[in-house]
Amino acid sequence: MTGLEQGVSATLTAPLDVTGTAGEVTPEATLSGAERAIQGRSLGQIAWMRLRRDRVAIAGGIVVILLILMAIFAPLIVRVIGHPPNEWHQEMIDPTLSTAKGVFGGVSLDFLFGVEPLNGRDLFSRVVYGARVSILVGFGATLLSVVIGTFFGVVAGFFGGWVDSVISRVMDVFLAFPLLLFAMSLAGVIPDNAFGLTGDGLRIAILIFVIGFFNWPYVGRIIRGQTLSLREREFVDAARSLGARNGYILRKELLPNLVAPILVYATLLIPTNILFEAALAFLGVGVAPPTATWGGMLSSAVPFYSVAPNFMLAPGLAIFVTVLAFNLLGDGLRDALDPRAR
């Protein structure tokens, strides 16, 4: 045997040193590193990771949170940097022109958005208080639509047959219903008190019911389509083979897989409901004056758009920013919760 062969043989037969010295990687360290490398992530963590990379959606979500906080703490915000929303400031009005004194409708540190023509009410305070009505109606009507639409959509898609046919035809009837005309007609005959509610509370409740109840078929159709697809999946067949009843399959197998589309569509439905409430207020059939609403402020600003542009600009920008923020957040959630997205 040559010297080279003896050296190779000695190397192959030498005992393996596993004690680990400085600068070497021990088997335990390698194993723990492998465990960390293959650590799994939940679907929620994956969706959050995708959403966090979408800066536009995150920006929309931040604006949405700020709007909700503004609506909740409107009295505190107005007390600190504003004036009561229905308080008149005639000293801010030029009696000869019936418009605000100063530049751009009286904008100043004391009146951040200026004042209304004729009466001098603080526009900033009224925009802040108007957010309460819009956010409340938007969220309330969306919640009602999602609850009703999810229930009937799941039932129609899961059971099929005559149940699906009946629910689908009811959806078609609701979709063909002239919602705007019905809302205007109903608002005109609302009594002063009903169901234990009066004034603004009664009108807001009626708006939530009308908008939410007649919009549920849009949610129902989406949920029905998703349910038709999910009921043919392997995990539903496996649950049936183990003796699971329909109620268990609906609660434990289908509904958890419907959370993502429900959440996405709800986020996109909220701005639609806010716009609908603003349209009703603009037409004069929403919450009655002097309660501040964005649509009502726009309606009042129409005669003054040339002499007081801030009167129309303030509520218009509030509606625009709110709807845009919800749409951006909804688009980001749709991309983040889509299992086919990378």
Protein backbone atom coordinates (compact mmCIF):
# COMPACT_ATOMS: atom_id res chain seq x y z
CA MET A 1 0.00 0.00 0.00
CA THR A 2 1.40 3.35 -0.98
CA GLY A 3 1.71 6.30 1.37
CA LEU A 4 -1.23 8.10 -0.24
CA GLU A 5 -3.51 5.06 0.18
CA GLN A 6 -2.45 4.66 3.84
CA GLY A 7 -3.32 8.32 4.53
CA VAL A 8 -6.76 8.03 2.96
CA SER A 9 -7.47 4.80 4.84
CA ALA A 10 -6.45 6.38 8.14
CA THR A 11 -8.75 9.34 7.46
CA LEU A 12 -11.76 7.14 6.66
CA THR A 13 -11.28 4.89 9.70
CA ALA A 14 -10.57 7.67 12.20
CA PRO A 15 -13.34 8.14 14.83
CA LEU A 16 -15.71 11.06 14.25
CA ASP A 17 -15.21 13.92 16.71
CA VAL A 18 -18.68 15.12 17.74
CA THR A 19 -17.65 16.92 20.90
CA GLY A 20 -17.64 20.27 19.11
CA THR A 21 -14.89 22.79 19.34
CA ALA A 22 -14.82 26.53 19.02
CA GLY A 23 -16.03 27.66 15.60
CA GLU A 24 -17.62 24.28 14.73
CA VAL A 25 -21.37 23.55 14.38
CA THR A 26 -22.67 20.79 16.65
CA PRO A 27 -25.41 18.35 15.54
CA GLU A 28 -27.75 19.82 18.18
CA ALA A 29 -27.31 23.31 16.75
CA THR A 30 -27.89 22.00 13.24
CA LEU A 31 -31.08 20.21 14.34
CA SER A 32 -32.49 23.24 16.12
CA GLY A 33 -31.74 25.38 13.09
CA ALA A 34 -33.58 22.93 10.84
CA GLU A 35 -36.54 22.95 13.19
CA ARG A 36 -36.63 26.71 13.06
CA ALA A 37 -36.35 26.67 9.27
CA ILE A 38 -39.38 24.41 8.78
CA GLN A 39 -41.56 26.07 11.41
CA GLY A 40 -45.02 26.45 9.87
CA ARG A 41 -47.16 29.58 9.61
CA SER A 42 -50.91 29.83 9.95
CA LEU A 43 -53.13 31.20 7.20
CA GLY A 44 -53.68 34.32 9.27
CA GLN A 45 -49.94 34.90 9.58
CA ILE A 46 -49.48 34.43 5.84
CA ALA A 47 -52.31 36.87 5.07
CA TRP A 48 -50.89 39.45 7.49
CA MET A 49 -47.45 39.08 5.92
CA ARG A 50 -48.91 39.76 2.47
CA LEU A 51 -51.03 42.66 3.70
CA ARG A 52 -48.08 44.23 5.51
CA ARG A 53 -46.15 44.36 2.24
CA ASP A 54 -49.00 46.31 0.59
CA ARG A 55 -48.24 49.85 1.73
CA VAL A 56 -51.24 51.32 -0.06
CA ALA A 57 -53.63 48.99 1.80
CA ILE A 58 -51.89 49.71 5.11
CA ALA A 59 -52.27 53.44 4.47
CA GLY A 60 -55.96 52.91 3.76
CA GLY A 61 -56.33 50.91 6.96
CA ILE A 62 -54.67 53.65 9.01
CA VAL A 63 -57.05 56.25 7.56
CA VAL A 64 -60.02 53.99 8.33
CA ILE A 65 -58.89 53.61 11.95
CA LEU A 66 -58.43 57.38 12.27
CA LEU A 67 -61.92 57.99 10.85
CA ILE A 68 -63.47 55.55 13.31
CA LEU A 69 -61.63 57.17 16.21
CA MET A 70 -62.73 60.60 14.98
CA ALA A 71 -66.36 59.47 14.92
CA ILE A 72 -66.14 57.95 18.41
CA PHE A 73 -64.37 60.90 20.03
CA ALA A 74 -66.12 63.65 18.04
CA PRO A 75 -67.34 65.56 21.15
CA LEU A 76 -63.84 65.57 22.64
CA ILE A 77 -62.19 66.66 19.38
CA VAL A 78 -64.68 69.49 18.88
CA ARG A 79 -64.29 70.63 22.48
CA VAL A 80 -60.53 70.91 22.06
CA ILE A 81 -60.11 72.36 18.56
CA GLY A 82 -63.55 73.44 17.42
CA HIS A 83 -66.95 74.85 18.29
CA PRO A 84 -70.34 73.19 18.84
CA PRO A 85 -71.64 72.04 15.43
CA ASN A 86 -74.93 73.95 15.66
CA GLU A 87 -73.58 77.12 17.24
CA TRP A 88 -74.00 80.22 15.10
CA HIS A 89 -71.20 82.77 14.69
CA GLN A 90 -72.81 85.78 13.06
CA GLU A 91 -69.69 87.85 13.74
CA MET A 92 -67.92 85.75 11.09
CA ILE A 93 -70.45 86.69 8.37
CA ASP A 94 -70.27 89.75 6.15
CA PRO A 95 -73.86 91.15 6.29
CA THR A 96 -73.60 92.73 2.82
CA LEU A 97 -72.51 89.54 1.04
CA SER A 98 -74.01 86.91 3.42
CA THR A 99 -70.72 85.00 3.23
CA ALA A 100 -67.85 84.49 5.64
CA LYS A 101 -65.34 87.23 6.30
CA GLY A 102 -61.71 86.60 5.52
CA VAL A 103 -59.90 84.40 3.06
CA PHE A 104 -61.42 81.18 1.66
CA GLY A 105 -64.59 81.15 3.69
CA GLY A 106 -63.10 82.31 6.98
CA VAL A 107 -60.44 79.62 7.32
CA SER A 108 -58.25 80.32 10.36
CA LEU A 109 -56.70 78.62 13.36
CA ASP A 110 -59.99 79.07 15.19
CA PHE A 111 -62.08 77.73 12.27
CA LEU A 112 -59.93 75.13 10.51
CA PHE A 113 -62.31 74.59 7.56
CA GLY A 114 -63.99 77.98 7.68
CA VAL A 115 -67.65 78.65 8.44
CA GLU A 116 -70.97 78.16 6.67
CA PRO A 117 -72.47 81.12 4.81
CA LEU A 118 -75.46 82.90 6.36
CA ASN A 119 -75.15 81.39 9.86
CA GLY A 120 -71.42 80.93 10.51
CA ARG A 121 -71.48 77.37 11.86
CA ASP A 122 -68.06 75.73 12.19
CA LEU A 123 -67.44 73.48 9.16
CA PHE A 124 -64.73 71.45 10.89
CA SER A 125 -67.05 70.52 13.75
CA ARG A 126 -69.85 69.59 11.39
CA VAL A 127 -67.57 67.40 9.27
CA VAL A 128 -66.36 65.61 12.42
CA TYR A 129 -69.91 65.05 13.68
CA GLY A 130 -71.04 64.03 10.20
CA ALA A 131 -68.56 61.15 10.35
CA ARG A 132 -70.57 59.65 13.20
CA VAL A 133 -73.70 59.30 11.07
CA SER A 134 -71.87 58.01 7.99
CA ILE A 135 -69.72 55.48 9.84
CA LEU A 136 -72.66 54.25 11.95
CA VAL A 137 -74.96 53.77 8.96
CA GLY A 138 -72.17 52.25 6.85
CA PHE A 139 -71.14 49.68 9.46
CA GLY A 140 -74.68 48.95 10.67
CA ALA A 141 -76.13 48.38 7.21
CA THR A 142 -73.13 46.26 6.19
CA LEU A 143 -73.43 44.09 9.29
CA LEU A 144 -77.12 43.48 8.61
CA SER A 145 -76.47 42.65 4.95
CA VAL A 146 -73.61 40.27 5.81
CA VAL A 147 -75.59 38.39 8.47
CA ILE A 148 -78.68 37.89 6.28
CA GLY A 149 -76.73 37.28 3.08
CA THR A 150 -74.37 34.77 4.69
CA PHE A 151 -77.22 32.79 6.23
CA PHE A 152 -79.28 32.47 3.05
CA GLY A 153 -76.23 32.09 0.81
CA VAL A 154 -74.85 29.19 2.84
CA VAL A 155 -78.25 27.49 3.08
CA ALA A 156 -78.89 27.84 -0.67
CA GLY A 157 -75.44 26.64 -1.69
CA PHE A 158 -75.21 23.76 0.76
CA PHE A 159 -78.66 22.18 0.41
CA GLY A 160 -79.29 22.99 -3.26
CA GLY A 161 -82.41 21.66 -4.98
CA TRP A 162 -85.69 23.46 -4.37
CA VAL A 163 -84.21 25.35 -1.41
CA ASP A 164 -81.58 26.89 -3.69
CA SER A 165 -84.20 27.70 -6.33
CA VAL A 166 -86.53 29.47 -3.89
CA ILE A 167 -83.76 31.53 -2.25
CA SER A 168 -82.24 32.43 -5.62
CA ARG A 169 -85.58 33.72 -6.92
CA VAL A 170 -86.05 35.79 -3.75
CA MET A 171 -82.60 37.28 -4.36
CA ASP A 172 -83.61 38.19 -7.90
CA VAL A 173 -86.72 39.97 -6.61
CA PHE A 174 -84.70 42.00 -4.10
CA LEU A 175 -82.07 42.88 -6.72
CA ALA A 176 -84.81 44.21 -9.03
CA PHE A 177 -86.33 46.31 -6.25
CA PRO A 178 -86.01 50.12 -6.70
CA LEU A 179 -84.16 50.72 -3.44
CA LEU A 180 -83.63 54.47 -3.83
CA LEU A 181 -87.31 55.16 -4.56
CA PHE A 182 -88.40 52.93 -1.69
CA ALA A 183 -86.01 54.66 0.74
CA MET A 184 -87.25 58.09 -0.33
CA SER A 185 -90.89 57.03 0.04
CA LEU A 186 -90.31 55.42 3.42
CA ALA A 187 -88.39 58.42 4.77
CA GLY A 188 -91.32 60.67 3.92
CA VAL A 189 -93.77 58.74 6.13
CA ILE A 190 -91.52 58.09 9.14
CA PRO A 191 -93.40 59.10 12.32
CA ASP A 192 -91.88 61.14 15.09
CA ASN A 193 -91.50 58.08 17.31
CA ALA A 194 -91.70 54.34 16.74
CA PHE A 195 -90.22 51.17 18.22
CA GLY A 196 -89.13 53.13 21.29
CA LEU A 197 -86.96 55.47 19.19
CA THR A 198 -87.37 59.15 18.35
CA GLY A 199 -85.67 61.80 16.26
CA ASP A 200 -82.26 61.05 14.79
CA GLY A 201 -82.07 57.62 16.42
CA LEU A 202 -85.24 56.51 14.62
CA ARG A 203 -84.08 57.84 11.25
CA ILE A 204 -80.66 56.22 11.56
CA ALA A 205 -82.28 52.90 12.49
CA ILE A 206 -84.60 53.15 9.46
CA LEU A 207 -81.66 53.92 7.17
CA ILE A 208 -79.67 50.97 8.50
CA PHE A 209 -82.65 48.65 8.02
CA VAL A 210 -83.53 49.84 4.51
CA ILE A 211 -79.95 49.86 3.18
CA GLY A 212 -78.91 46.63 4.91
CA PHE A 213 -82.05 44.60 4.33
CA PHE A 214 -82.29 45.32 0.60
CA ASN A 215 -78.56 44.85 -0.08
CA TRP A 216 -78.17 41.35 1.36
CA PRO A 217 -78.68 39.55 -2.01
CA TYR A 218 -75.32 40.92 -3.22
CA VAL A 219 -73.60 39.17 -0.30
CA GLY A 220 -75.86 36.14 -0.64
CA ARG A 221 -74.90 35.49 -4.26
CA ILE A 222 -71.18 35.57 -3.49
CA ILE A 223 -71.52 33.29 -0.47
CA ARG A 224 -73.77 30.90 -2.40
CA GLY A 225 -71.16 30.54 -5.14
CA GLN A 226 -68.38 29.93 -2.63
CA THR A 227 -70.52 27.36 -0.78
CA LEU A 228 -71.29 25.47 -3.99
CA SER A 229 -67.56 25.11 -4.55
CA LEU A 230 -66.66 24.22 -0.95
CA ARG A 231 -69.33 21.54 -0.48
CA GLU A 232 -67.64 19.40 -3.14
CA ARG A 233 -64.22 19.53 -1.47
CA GLU A 234 -62.51 16.51 0.08
CA PHE A 235 -62.67 17.74 3.69
CA VAL A 236 -66.48 17.94 3.50
CA ASP A 237 -66.65 14.37 2.15
CA ALA A 238 -64.28 13.26 4.92
CA ALA A 239 -66.52 14.88 7.56
CA ARG A 240 -69.57 13.13 6.12
CA SER A 241 -67.76 9.78 6.07
CA LEU A 242 -67.06 10.20 9.79
CA GLY A 243 -70.76 10.68 10.48
CA ALA A 244 -70.85 14.49 10.83
CA ARG A 245 -74.29 16.04 10.57
CA ASN A 246 -75.18 18.98 8.34
CA GLY A 247 -75.14 21.46 11.21
CA TYR A 248 -71.62 20.45 12.20
CA ILE A 249 -70.38 20.67 8.61
CA LEU A 250 -71.89 24.12 8.22
CA ARG A 251 -70.41 25.46 11.46
CA LYS A 252 -67.04 23.74 11.54
CA GLU A 253 -66.15 23.12 7.90
CA LEU A 254 -67.83 25.69 5.66
CA LEU A 255 -68.14 28.89 7.72
CA PRO A 256 -64.42 29.06 8.68
CA ASN A 257 -63.55 28.83 4.98
CA LEU A 258 -66.02 31.60 4.15
CA VAL A 259 -64.52 34.16 6.55
CA ALA A 260 -62.09 35.53 3.96
CA PRO A 261 -64.64 36.35 1.20
CA ILE A 262 -67.10 37.68 3.79
CA LEU A 263 -64.46 39.98 5.27
CA VAL A 264 -63.32 41.25 1.88
CA TYR A 265 -66.80 41.94 0.54
CA ALA A 266 -67.88 43.59 3.80
CA THR A 267 -64.93 45.97 3.58
CA LEU A 268 -65.91 46.89 0.03
CA LEU A 269 -69.62 47.19 0.91
CA ILE A 270 -69.11 49.75 3.71
CA PRO A 271 -68.12 52.64 1.37
CA THR A 272 -71.05 51.81 -0.91
CA ASN A 273 -73.44 52.15 2.03
CA ILE A 274 -71.75 55.40 3.11
CA LEU A 275 -72.28 56.81 -0.38
CA PHE A 276 -75.91 55.68 -0.34
CA GLU A 277 -76.52 57.41 3.00
CA ALA A 278 -74.87 60.57 1.67
CA ALA A 279 -77.09 60.43 -1.43
CA LEU A 280 -80.24 60.14 0.69
CA ALA A 281 -79.12 63.04 2.87
CA PHE A 282 -78.34 65.09 -0.25
CA LEU A 283 -81.89 64.45 -1.48
CA GLY A 284 -83.28 65.53 1.87
CA VAL A 285 -84.61 62.14 3.04
CA GLY A 286 -81.79 61.16 5.38
CA VAL A 287 -81.15 62.36 8.92
CA ALA A 288 -83.05 65.61 9.40
CA PRO A 289 -81.32 68.98 9.98
CA PRO A 290 -79.76 70.49 12.03
CA THR A 291 -77.90 67.21 12.64
CA ALA A 292 -74.66 67.31 10.65
CA THR A 293 -74.36 64.82 7.77
CA TRP A 294 -71.95 64.94 4.86
CA GLY A 295 -74.68 64.57 2.25
CA GLY A 296 -76.82 67.24 3.91
CA MET A 297 -73.86 69.64 3.99
CA LEU A 298 -73.29 69.08 0.27
CA SER A 299 -76.95 69.79 -0.45
CA SER A 300 -76.82 73.03 1.55
CA ALA A 301 -73.60 74.09 -0.20
CA VAL A 302 -74.96 73.93 -3.74
CA PRO A 303 -76.24 77.56 -3.86
CA PHE A 304 -72.92 78.86 -2.48
CA TYR A 305 -70.37 76.91 -4.52
CA SER A 306 -69.15 80.03 -6.34
CA VAL A 307 -68.81 82.34 -3.31
CA ALA A 308 -67.90 79.78 -0.61
CA PRO A 309 -66.14 76.78 -2.24
CA ASN A 310 -64.92 75.52 1.14
CA PHE A 311 -68.56 74.85 2.11
CA MET A 312 -68.76 72.16 -0.59
CA LEU A 313 -65.12 71.12 -0.51
CA ALA A 314 -65.03 70.08 3.18
CA PRO A 315 -67.80 67.42 3.14
CA GLY A 316 -66.91 66.38 -0.41
CA LEU A 317 -63.31 65.62 0.54
CA ALA A 318 -64.51 63.80 3.68
CA ILE A 319 -66.66 61.45 1.56
CA PHE A 320 -63.89 61.02 -1.02
CA VAL A 321 -61.18 60.17 1.54
CA THR A 322 -63.46 57.78 3.46
CA VAL A 323 -64.61 55.83 0.40
CA LEU A 324 -61.08 55.71 -1.05
CA ALA A 325 -59.58 54.44 2.22
CA PHE A 326 -62.13 51.62 2.55
CA ASN A 327 -61.67 50.61 -1.09
CA LEU A 328 -57.88 50.52 -0.77
CA LEU A 329 -58.13 48.43 2.38
CA GLY A 330 -60.65 46.09 0.75
CA ASP A 331 -58.46 45.57 -2.31
CA GLY A 332 -55.47 44.83 -0.08
CA LEU A 333 -57.43 42.32 1.99
CA ARG A 334 -58.65 40.60 -1.17
CA ASP A 335 -55.09 40.15 -2.41
CA ALA A 336 -53.79 39.09 1.01
CA LEU A 337 -56.52 36.50 1.60
CA ASP A 338 -56.42 35.04 -1.91
CA PRO A 339 -54.80 31.58 -1.59
CA ARG A 340 -53.67 31.75 -5.24
CA ALA A 341 -51.72 34.97 -4.69
CA ARG A 342 -47.96 34.80 -4.27
